[in-house]
Amino acid sequence: MGAGNRLKSFLFFLADAAALYAALFITLILRYGAHWFEEFDDAHAFPFTIIFILWIAVFYIAGLYDLRRLRNSFDFLKTLFLSNSVSAAVAVLLFYLIPAFGIAPKTNLVIFIIIFTVIEIFWRRFLNRAMAFGEAPNRVLFVGDGAAGDEVKRTVRENPQLGYDIRAEIGEKAAYAAPEKIAQAAAQERVNLIVIANGLKQDPALVAVLYDLFGHGVLVTDIASFYELIMRRVPLTEIEHSWFLENIGSEMRFYDPLKRAFEFLSALAIGIILSPIELLIAILVRLTSPGPIIYRQVRVGQRGKPFTLYKFRSMRTDAEKDGAQWAAGKNDARTTPIGRVLRASHLDELPQLWNIIRGDISFVGPRPERPEFVEQLRARIPYYEARLFVKPGVTGWAQINHRADRTDEDVIQKLQYDIYYLKNRSPILDWAIVLKTLKSIFVNPE
């Protein structure tokens, strides 16, 4: 996400925080009149601030700070309503379960929820409209052809709130034949950003024109970088082997050991805390279908090293009597009755905590695939082996953005997300993936 879009997302965060406190202030004024601030300072400031932090966290998990989703559509209103309902339910539970909050009467919370809901709906719709109207700050000249370019241009045009306006387009052949057309179009359309096909950077005449424009304040980027910025994945058709050498460096070596230590302790703690649930699941699996409780399967890990993945068995023991098969989704006839519940809730993956403790996988990373499929996909899909550069994970950037994995096109889409993660992995991105995984489990599970 560019700096301008990060600022927009931050403004939405500030607007929500302001709306939350405004709703609280209005509630207290209605209840206590001139003494409202005393009530706020004495009893309401701390507990409601805790609630507001959780409220913002729920909004983030729901994607309400993702600019690509901030349009006044039915889908947006549905997401806003659901997120607000979840946040309100969490607030009610905390106020009634934590006596230390000590707020009475709790009518204040009900009044607050009603007022905030009204304010937020009108405020968010206004902000969505304001972000989409007016002249975009980034006036773009697009130079190049191809499927990746067409896809990102379509996304930009469908999402004006992103702040990009494609003012002119020039094909690669026209750019090669007459480089001066780039300068003419940039001047005519007051362009401040030029997006070019990667191959055009090899032409000396074109580079000279771009260099001159750059000296006059026009930014220049390639389609791969622009595509990554907008789509949050890396287009396979716009990169080559040298891209990995230039973009996947050793700067994360300090983070990976810290991540390993944190995940070891976290997996150990979670495993101990959830041991009663794990025991119950083990009993149910044993009682409802014949076969082992734990399903073991060989997967491919970092740098192609095979390991054994552990899961609670959710399928019949003869599920692969005819050989390895792709999962058929939630309607897979091979799934046992209790297995459907385990797969939908992802509880079948709890034994993978042992894989994390062993160091086979991480909480976050590309999905570990089976050796049979890895060999097939490496032969058909370019750069597929790149996802093996890092340790696989229980969840990942690809899993939360493109859940289907049943065709080569699905694999390509997920690989683009995996390569994006490979380039941009960080503590912040890892936590964002974990939070959004929670949303995928509770809001739209498979």
Protein backbone atom coordinates (compact mmCIF):
# COMPACT_ATOMS: atom_id res chain seq x y z
CA MET A 1 0.00 0.00 0.00
CA GLY A 2 1.38 3.40 -0.97
CA ALA A 3 1.95 6.22 1.50
CA GLY A 4 -1.16 8.06 0.28
CA ASN A 5 -3.36 5.02 0.75
CA ARG A 6 -1.85 4.30 4.16
CA LEU A 7 -2.78 7.86 5.13
CA LYS A 8 -6.34 7.29 3.90
CA SER A 9 -6.63 4.10 5.96
CA PHE A 10 -5.30 5.98 8.99
CA LEU A 11 -7.88 8.71 8.43
CA PHE A 12 -10.64 6.09 8.48
CA PHE A 13 -9.19 4.77 11.74
CA LEU A 14 -9.19 8.29 13.24
CA ALA A 15 -12.74 8.86 11.99
CA ASP A 16 -13.94 5.67 13.69
CA ALA A 17 -12.17 6.56 16.92
CA ALA A 18 -13.76 10.03 16.83
CA ALA A 19 -17.19 8.53 16.14
CA LEU A 20 -16.84 6.13 19.09
CA TYR A 21 -15.96 8.88 21.56
CA ALA A 22 -18.56 11.24 20.10
CA ALA A 23 -21.26 8.60 20.62
CA LEU A 24 -20.08 8.09 24.19
CA PHE A 25 -20.09 11.85 24.91
CA ILE A 26 -23.60 12.23 23.48
CA THR A 27 -24.77 9.29 25.62
CA LEU A 28 -23.35 10.84 28.79
CA ILE A 29 -24.81 14.27 28.00
CA LEU A 30 -28.24 12.69 27.51
CA ARG A 31 -27.92 10.78 30.79
CA TYR A 32 -26.16 13.26 33.08
CA GLY A 33 -26.52 16.69 31.53
CA ALA A 34 -23.96 19.22 32.77
CA HIS A 35 -22.15 16.56 34.83
CA TRP A 36 -21.35 14.39 31.81
CA PHE A 37 -17.59 14.99 31.88
CA GLU A 38 -17.34 14.06 35.56
CA GLU A 39 -19.07 10.76 34.77
CA PHE A 40 -16.74 10.21 31.82
CA ASP A 41 -13.63 10.90 33.87
CA ASP A 42 -14.75 8.93 36.95
CA ALA A 43 -16.31 5.79 35.53
CA HIS A 44 -16.47 5.62 31.74
CA ALA A 45 -13.09 6.65 30.28
CA PHE A 46 -11.08 3.48 31.03
CA PRO A 47 -13.62 0.69 30.35
CA PHE A 48 -14.93 2.32 27.18
CA THR A 49 -11.40 2.89 25.89
CA ILE A 50 -10.75 -0.84 26.29
CA ILE A 51 -13.97 -1.54 24.43
CA PHE A 52 -13.04 0.91 21.67
CA ILE A 53 -9.68 -0.79 21.09
CA LEU A 54 -11.48 -4.11 20.62
CA TRP A 55 -14.10 -2.41 18.44
CA ILE A 56 -11.40 -1.07 16.10
CA ALA A 57 -9.72 -4.50 16.06
CA VAL A 58 -12.97 -6.14 14.91
CA PHE A 59 -13.35 -3.50 12.19
CA TYR A 60 -9.81 -4.23 11.02
CA ILE A 61 -10.41 -7.99 10.94
CA ALA A 62 -13.57 -7.40 8.90
CA GLY A 63 -11.59 -5.43 6.31
CA LEU A 64 -13.13 -2.03 7.03
CA TYR A 65 -9.75 -0.33 6.57
CA ASP A 66 -9.06 -2.03 3.22
CA LEU A 67 -9.56 0.74 0.65
CA ARG A 68 -10.54 -1.73 -2.05
CA ARG A 69 -13.70 -2.55 -0.09
CA LEU A 70 -14.73 0.98 0.90
CA ARG A 71 -17.56 1.58 -1.53
CA ASN A 72 -21.20 2.33 -0.71
CA SER A 73 -22.48 -1.07 -1.77
CA PHE A 74 -24.75 -3.62 -0.14
CA ASP A 75 -21.71 -5.81 0.62
CA PHE A 76 -20.04 -2.94 2.49
CA LEU A 77 -23.17 -2.15 4.52
CA LYS A 78 -23.58 -5.83 5.37
CA THR A 79 -19.96 -6.04 6.54
CA LEU A 80 -20.32 -2.83 8.57
CA PHE A 81 -23.52 -4.05 10.22
CA LEU A 82 -22.04 -7.46 11.04
CA SER A 83 -18.83 -5.94 12.43
CA ASN A 84 -20.78 -3.50 14.56
CA SER A 85 -22.98 -6.30 15.87
CA VAL A 86 -19.98 -8.43 16.81
CA SER A 87 -18.30 -5.47 18.53
CA ALA A 88 -21.48 -4.64 20.43
CA ALA A 89 -21.81 -8.25 21.57
CA VAL A 90 -18.21 -8.25 22.80
CA ALA A 91 -18.84 -4.98 24.65
CA VAL A 92 -21.98 -6.34 26.35
CA LEU A 93 -20.16 -9.51 27.43
CA LEU A 94 -17.23 -7.57 28.88
CA PHE A 95 -19.44 -5.13 30.76
CA TYR A 96 -21.49 -7.88 32.32
CA LEU A 97 -18.66 -10.34 32.94
CA ILE A 98 -16.10 -7.89 34.36
CA PRO A 99 -17.50 -6.34 37.58
CA ALA A 100 -14.38 -4.16 37.87
CA PHE A 101 -15.77 -1.99 35.08
CA GLY A 102 -18.37 -0.95 37.62
CA ILE A 103 -20.65 1.04 35.31
CA ALA A 104 -24.26 1.37 36.38
CA PRO A 105 -26.78 1.56 34.94
CA LYS A 106 -25.72 -0.51 31.94
CA THR A 107 -28.44 1.31 30.00
CA ASN A 108 -25.60 3.65 29.04
CA LEU A 109 -24.06 0.91 26.92
CA VAL A 110 -27.31 0.23 25.07
CA ILE A 111 -27.81 3.94 24.33
CA PHE A 112 -24.18 4.23 23.20
CA ILE A 113 -24.50 1.30 20.78
CA ILE A 114 -27.61 2.79 19.17
CA ILE A 115 -26.06 6.25 18.80
CA PHE A 116 -22.74 4.94 17.46
CA THR A 117 -24.49 2.71 14.91
CA VAL A 118 -26.36 5.69 13.47
CA ILE A 119 -23.28 7.94 13.47
CA GLU A 120 -21.03 5.28 11.92
CA ILE A 121 -23.38 4.40 9.06
CA PHE A 122 -23.77 8.02 7.94
CA TRP A 123 -20.12 8.91 8.67
CA ARG A 124 -18.69 5.95 6.77
CA ARG A 125 -20.97 6.46 3.77
CA PHE A 126 -19.90 10.10 3.63
CA LEU A 127 -16.21 9.20 3.84
CA ASN A 128 -16.54 6.50 1.18
CA ARG A 129 -18.17 8.99 -1.16
CA ALA A 130 -15.63 11.71 -0.37
CA MET A 131 -12.70 9.38 -1.07
CA ALA A 132 -14.18 8.33 -4.42
CA PHE A 133 -15.08 11.81 -5.72
CA GLY A 134 -12.89 14.67 -6.78
CA GLU A 135 -9.63 14.57 -8.71
CA ALA A 136 -7.42 11.62 -7.82
CA PRO A 137 -4.03 12.65 -6.38
CA ASN A 138 -2.24 10.13 -8.63
CA ARG A 139 -2.69 10.85 -12.35
CA VAL A 140 -1.34 7.82 -14.20
CA LEU A 141 0.07 7.28 -17.68
CA PHE A 142 0.08 3.56 -18.44
CA VAL A 143 2.64 2.37 -20.99
CA GLY A 144 2.49 -1.30 -21.92
CA ASP A 145 0.26 -4.24 -22.79
CA GLY A 146 -0.63 -7.60 -21.31
CA ALA A 147 -3.07 -9.42 -19.04
CA ALA A 148 -1.52 -8.17 -15.78
CA GLY A 149 -1.75 -4.57 -16.98
CA ASP A 150 -5.37 -5.00 -18.06
CA GLU A 151 -6.28 -6.54 -14.70
CA VAL A 152 -4.72 -3.80 -12.59
CA LYS A 153 -6.21 -1.04 -14.79
CA ARG A 154 -9.65 -2.57 -14.37
CA THR A 155 -9.20 -2.74 -10.59
CA VAL A 156 -8.07 0.89 -10.43
CA ARG A 157 -11.07 2.07 -12.45
CA GLU A 158 -13.49 0.09 -10.28
CA ASN A 159 -11.98 1.51 -7.08
CA PRO A 160 -11.58 5.30 -7.39
CA GLN A 161 -11.15 5.51 -3.61
CA LEU A 162 -7.65 4.10 -4.11
CA GLY A 163 -6.61 7.51 -5.40
CA TYR A 164 -5.38 6.58 -8.91
CA ASP A 165 -6.77 7.89 -12.20
CA ILE A 166 -5.46 6.37 -15.44
CA ARG A 167 -5.43 9.47 -17.64
CA ALA A 168 -3.78 7.98 -20.75
CA GLU A 169 -2.52 4.70 -22.20
CA ILE A 170 0.19 3.95 -24.74
CA GLY A 171 0.88 0.49 -26.16
CA GLU A 172 4.39 -0.98 -26.18
CA LYS A 173 4.74 -0.84 -29.97
CA ALA A 174 3.72 2.83 -30.08
CA ALA A 175 6.14 3.63 -27.24
CA TYR A 176 9.03 1.94 -29.02
CA ALA A 177 8.18 3.66 -32.33
CA ALA A 178 7.77 7.16 -30.90
CA PRO A 179 9.15 7.62 -27.34
CA GLU A 180 8.28 11.32 -27.49
CA LYS A 181 4.60 10.36 -27.23
CA ILE A 182 5.21 9.55 -23.58
CA ALA A 183 6.41 13.07 -22.83
CA GLN A 184 3.56 14.59 -24.84
CA ALA A 185 0.89 12.53 -23.04
CA ALA A 186 2.45 13.24 -19.65
CA ALA A 187 2.37 16.99 -20.27
CA GLN A 188 -1.12 17.01 -21.78
CA GLU A 189 -2.71 15.00 -18.97
CA ARG A 190 -0.62 16.55 -16.13
CA VAL A 191 0.62 13.07 -15.24
CA ASN A 192 2.59 12.56 -12.03
CA LEU A 193 3.03 8.76 -12.25
CA ILE A 194 4.09 6.63 -15.22
CA VAL A 195 3.63 2.85 -15.13
CA ILE A 196 5.70 1.03 -17.76
CA ALA A 197 6.17 -2.55 -18.90
CA ASN A 198 9.38 -4.03 -17.55
CA GLY A 199 10.88 -4.62 -21.00
CA LEU A 200 10.65 -0.93 -21.91
CA LYS A 201 13.35 -0.11 -19.39
CA GLN A 202 15.88 -1.74 -21.73
CA ASP A 203 15.32 0.77 -24.55
CA PRO A 204 17.84 3.69 -24.33
CA ALA A 205 15.57 6.20 -26.10
CA LEU A 206 12.64 5.44 -23.80
CA VAL A 207 14.84 5.54 -20.72
CA ALA A 208 16.13 8.99 -21.74
CA VAL A 209 12.55 10.31 -21.99
CA LEU A 210 11.61 8.78 -18.63
CA TYR A 211 14.76 10.16 -17.02
CA ASP A 212 13.87 13.66 -18.17
CA LEU A 213 10.32 13.34 -16.85
CA PHE A 214 11.65 11.99 -13.56
CA GLY A 215 13.79 15.10 -13.26
CA HIS A 216 10.59 17.17 -13.52
CA GLY A 217 8.89 15.38 -10.65
CA VAL A 218 7.11 12.54 -12.48
CA LEU A 219 7.46 9.20 -10.68
CA VAL A 220 8.18 6.11 -12.77
CA THR A 221 7.46 2.51 -11.77
CA ASP A 222 7.04 -0.79 -13.59
CA ILE A 223 3.85 -2.80 -13.99
CA ALA A 224 5.00 -5.49 -11.54
CA SER A 225 5.49 -2.94 -8.73
CA PHE A 226 2.23 -1.12 -9.49
CA TYR A 227 0.34 -4.40 -9.71
CA GLU A 228 1.78 -5.45 -6.35
CA LEU A 229 0.78 -2.13 -4.81
CA ILE A 230 -2.83 -2.35 -5.97
CA MET A 231 -3.53 -6.10 -5.99
CA ARG A 232 -1.27 -7.10 -3.06
CA ARG A 233 0.18 -9.97 -5.03
CA VAL A 234 3.02 -10.29 -7.55
CA PRO A 235 2.19 -10.94 -11.24
CA LEU A 236 4.10 -13.97 -12.53
CA THR A 237 3.99 -12.70 -16.12
CA GLU A 238 5.83 -9.49 -15.24
CA ILE A 239 8.80 -10.92 -13.32
CA GLU A 240 11.82 -13.06 -14.12
CA HIS A 241 14.47 -14.92 -12.13
CA SER A 242 16.49 -11.75 -11.52
CA TRP A 243 13.45 -10.25 -9.75
CA PHE A 244 13.92 -12.73 -6.90
CA LEU A 245 17.62 -11.90 -6.61
CA GLU A 246 16.78 -8.20 -6.37
CA ASN A 247 13.73 -8.38 -4.11
CA ILE A 248 14.15 -11.40 -1.84
CA GLY A 249 17.19 -10.50 0.22
CA SER A 250 18.57 -11.41 3.61
CA GLU A 251 17.07 -8.46 5.47
CA MET A 252 14.62 -10.74 7.29
CA ARG A 253 17.29 -12.95 8.85
CA PHE A 254 17.00 -11.05 12.13
CA TYR A 255 13.21 -11.59 12.17
CA ASP A 256 13.06 -15.30 11.35
CA PRO A 257 14.88 -16.51 14.54
CA LEU A 258 12.73 -14.24 16.72
CA LYS A 259 9.64 -15.53 14.96
CA ARG A 260 10.74 -19.12 15.60
CA ALA A 261 11.26 -18.50 19.33
CA PHE A 262 7.92 -16.72 19.71
CA GLU A 263 6.05 -19.43 17.80
CA PHE A 264 7.63 -22.23 19.84
CA LEU A 265 6.49 -20.68 23.12
CA SER A 266 3.07 -19.72 21.74
CA ALA A 267 2.38 -23.17 20.29
CA LEU A 268 3.40 -24.82 23.55
CA ALA A 269 1.15 -22.51 25.60
CA ILE A 270 -1.83 -22.86 23.24
CA GLY A 271 -1.43 -26.63 23.17
CA ILE A 272 -1.56 -26.81 26.97
CA ILE A 273 -4.52 -24.42 27.26
CA LEU A 274 -6.55 -26.24 24.59
CA SER A 275 -5.66 -29.75 25.74
CA PRO A 276 -9.21 -30.43 27.11
CA ILE A 277 -10.68 -29.54 23.70
CA GLU A 278 -8.09 -31.69 21.95
CA LEU A 279 -8.97 -34.63 24.21
CA LEU A 280 -12.69 -34.18 23.50
CA ILE A 281 -12.07 -34.06 19.73
CA ALA A 282 -9.92 -37.19 19.94
CA ILE A 283 -12.75 -39.07 21.72
CA LEU A 284 -15.33 -37.90 19.16
CA VAL A 285 -13.17 -38.93 16.22
CA ARG A 286 -12.62 -42.36 17.78
CA LEU A 287 -16.34 -42.89 18.54
CA THR A 288 -17.80 -41.67 15.23
CA SER A 289 -15.67 -43.49 12.63
CA PRO A 290 -13.21 -46.38 12.50
CA GLY A 291 -9.54 -45.58 12.04
CA PRO A 292 -6.74 -43.60 13.68
CA ILE A 293 -7.43 -40.38 15.58
CA ILE A 294 -4.47 -38.52 14.11
CA TYR A 295 -4.01 -38.34 10.35
CA ARG A 296 -0.39 -38.23 9.18
CA GLN A 297 0.59 -36.99 5.77
CA VAL A 298 3.93 -36.15 4.16
CA ARG A 299 4.22 -32.53 3.08
CA VAL A 300 7.03 -30.46 1.53
CA GLY A 301 8.64 -27.90 3.82
CA GLN A 302 11.24 -25.17 3.52
CA ARG A 303 13.83 -25.76 0.77
CA GLY A 304 11.95 -28.87 -0.34
CA LYS A 305 12.54 -30.86 2.86
CA PRO A 306 9.72 -33.38 3.48
CA PHE A 307 8.06 -33.65 6.90
CA THR A 308 5.05 -35.35 8.47
CA LEU A 309 2.02 -33.11 9.02
CA TYR A 310 -0.41 -34.00 11.82
CA LYS A 311 -4.16 -33.34 11.81
CA PHE A 312 -7.23 -34.81 13.47
CA ARG A 313 -8.63 -37.28 10.96
CA SER A 314 -11.66 -35.77 9.19
CA MET A 315 -12.05 -38.27 6.32
CA ARG A 316 -12.75 -41.95 5.94
CA THR A 317 -9.71 -44.22 6.04
CA ASP A 318 -10.26 -45.18 2.36
CA ALA A 319 -10.41 -41.54 1.20
CA GLU A 320 -7.39 -41.98 -1.06
CA LYS A 321 -7.64 -45.60 -2.06
CA ASP A 322 -7.26 -44.48 -5.70
CA GLY A 323 -4.24 -42.25 -4.99
CA ALA A 324 -3.64 -38.64 -3.94
CA GLN A 325 -6.54 -36.30 -4.72
CA TRP A 326 -7.25 -32.59 -4.45
CA ALA A 327 -9.63 -31.69 -1.63
CA ALA A 328 -13.16 -31.21 -2.95
CA GLY A 329 -14.17 -28.47 -0.50
CA LYS A 330 -16.91 -28.52 2.11
CA ASN A 331 -19.05 -30.96 0.08
CA ASP A 332 -16.35 -33.62 -0.12
CA ALA A 333 -18.20 -36.95 0.19
CA ARG A 334 -15.13 -38.55 1.80
CA THR A 335 -15.49 -36.38 4.93
CA THR A 336 -16.92 -37.97 8.08
CA PRO A 337 -19.83 -36.27 9.93
CA ILE A 338 -17.60 -35.03 12.77
CA GLY A 339 -14.94 -34.27 10.17
CA ARG A 340 -17.20 -31.71 8.48
CA VAL A 341 -17.47 -29.81 11.77
CA LEU A 342 -13.73 -30.04 12.39
CA ARG A 343 -12.84 -28.83 8.89
CA ALA A 344 -15.37 -25.98 8.95
CA SER A 345 -14.04 -24.78 12.32
CA HIS A 346 -10.39 -25.64 11.47
CA LEU A 347 -10.20 -27.58 14.74
CA ASP A 348 -8.78 -30.51 12.75
CA GLU A 349 -5.56 -28.48 12.49
CA LEU A 350 -4.88 -28.31 16.24
CA PRO A 351 -2.30 -31.15 16.11
CA GLN A 352 -0.23 -28.90 13.84
CA LEU A 353 0.82 -27.14 17.03
CA TRP A 354 3.20 -30.09 17.40
CA ASN A 355 4.57 -29.35 13.91
CA ILE A 356 5.20 -25.76 14.99
CA ILE A 357 6.96 -26.90 18.16
CA ARG A 358 9.13 -29.24 16.06
CA GLY A 359 9.98 -26.41 13.67
CA ASP A 360 8.39 -28.04 10.61
CA ILE A 361 6.02 -25.14 9.98
CA SER A 362 5.15 -21.64 11.23
CA PHE A 363 1.85 -20.11 12.22
CA VAL A 364 2.10 -17.99 9.06
CA GLY A 365 3.56 -18.98 5.70
CA PRO A 366 2.66 -20.64 2.38
CA ARG A 367 0.44 -23.69 2.65
CA PRO A 368 2.54 -26.89 2.82
CA GLU A 369 1.76 -29.06 -0.20
CA ARG A 370 2.13 -32.77 -0.82
CA PRO A 371 5.23 -34.02 -2.71
CA GLU A 372 3.12 -35.52 -5.52
CA PHE A 373 1.45 -32.19 -6.23
CA VAL A 374 4.65 -30.15 -5.82
CA GLU A 375 6.37 -32.09 -8.58
CA GLN A 376 3.38 -31.72 -10.90
CA LEU A 377 2.96 -28.01 -10.23
CA ARG A 378 6.66 -27.18 -10.55
CA ALA A 379 6.57 -28.64 -14.05
CA ARG A 380 3.50 -26.60 -15.07
CA ILE A 381 3.74 -23.30 -13.21
CA PRO A 382 6.75 -20.94 -13.36
CA TYR A 383 8.46 -20.02 -10.07
CA TYR A 384 6.33 -22.48 -8.10
CA GLU A 385 9.43 -23.53 -6.15
CA ALA A 386 9.72 -19.94 -4.81
CA ARG A 387 7.10 -20.72 -2.15
CA LEU A 388 9.60 -23.20 -0.68
CA PHE A 389 12.08 -20.41 0.12
CA VAL A 390 10.39 -19.86 3.50
CA LYS A 391 8.87 -22.16 6.09
CA PRO A 392 5.23 -23.13 5.34
CA GLY A 393 2.44 -22.10 7.68
CA VAL A 394 -0.89 -23.09 9.19
CA THR A 395 -2.34 -19.96 7.60
CA GLY A 396 -0.94 -17.47 5.13
CA TRP A 397 -1.44 -14.47 2.87
CA ALA A 398 -2.60 -16.72 0.00
CA GLN A 399 -5.03 -18.69 2.16
CA ILE A 400 -6.90 -15.61 3.41
CA ASN A 401 -7.04 -13.90 0.01
CA HIS A 402 -7.83 -16.82 -2.31
CA ARG A 403 -9.26 -19.83 -0.51
CA ALA A 404 -10.03 -22.02 -3.53
CA ASP A 405 -7.23 -24.34 -4.65
CA ARG A 406 -8.74 -26.68 -7.22
CA THR A 407 -7.39 -25.61 -10.62
CA ASP A 408 -4.09 -24.42 -12.08
CA GLU A 409 -5.50 -20.89 -12.21
CA ASP A 410 -6.23 -21.07 -8.47
CA VAL A 411 -2.67 -22.25 -7.85
CA ILE A 412 -1.26 -19.37 -9.91
CA GLN A 413 -3.36 -16.83 -7.99
CA LYS A 414 -2.23 -18.25 -4.64
CA LEU A 415 1.39 -18.40 -5.77
CA GLN A 416 1.24 -14.68 -6.59
CA TYR A 417 0.06 -14.03 -3.03
CA ASP A 418 2.74 -16.34 -1.62
CA ILE A 419 5.47 -14.45 -3.50
CA TYR A 420 4.04 -11.16 -2.19
CA TYR A 421 4.34 -12.56 1.33
CA LEU A 422 7.86 -13.79 0.61
CA LYS A 423 8.90 -10.27 -0.35
CA ASN A 424 6.99 -8.34 2.33
CA ARG A 425 6.93 -10.67 5.34
CA SER A 426 7.19 -8.84 8.63
CA PRO A 427 5.72 -8.94 12.16
CA ILE A 428 2.98 -6.51 11.11
CA LEU A 429 1.98 -8.57 8.07
CA ASP A 430 2.05 -11.78 10.10
CA TRP A 431 -0.28 -10.32 12.74
CA ALA A 432 -2.58 -8.97 10.01
CA ILE A 433 -2.79 -12.47 8.51
CA VAL A 434 -3.59 -14.02 11.90
CA LEU A 435 -6.36 -11.48 12.55
CA LYS A 436 -7.87 -11.91 9.10
CA THR A 437 -7.71 -15.68 9.51
CA LEU A 438 -9.99 -15.31 12.52
CA LYS A 439 -12.44 -13.47 10.30
CA SER A 440 -12.34 -16.23 7.67
CA ILE A 441 -13.07 -18.85 10.34
CA PHE A 442 -16.01 -17.09 11.98
CA VAL A 443 -17.52 -15.06 9.12
CA ASN A 444 -17.11 -17.12 5.96
CA PRO A 445 -15.72 -20.57 6.78
CA GLU A 446 -15.43 -23.16 4.02
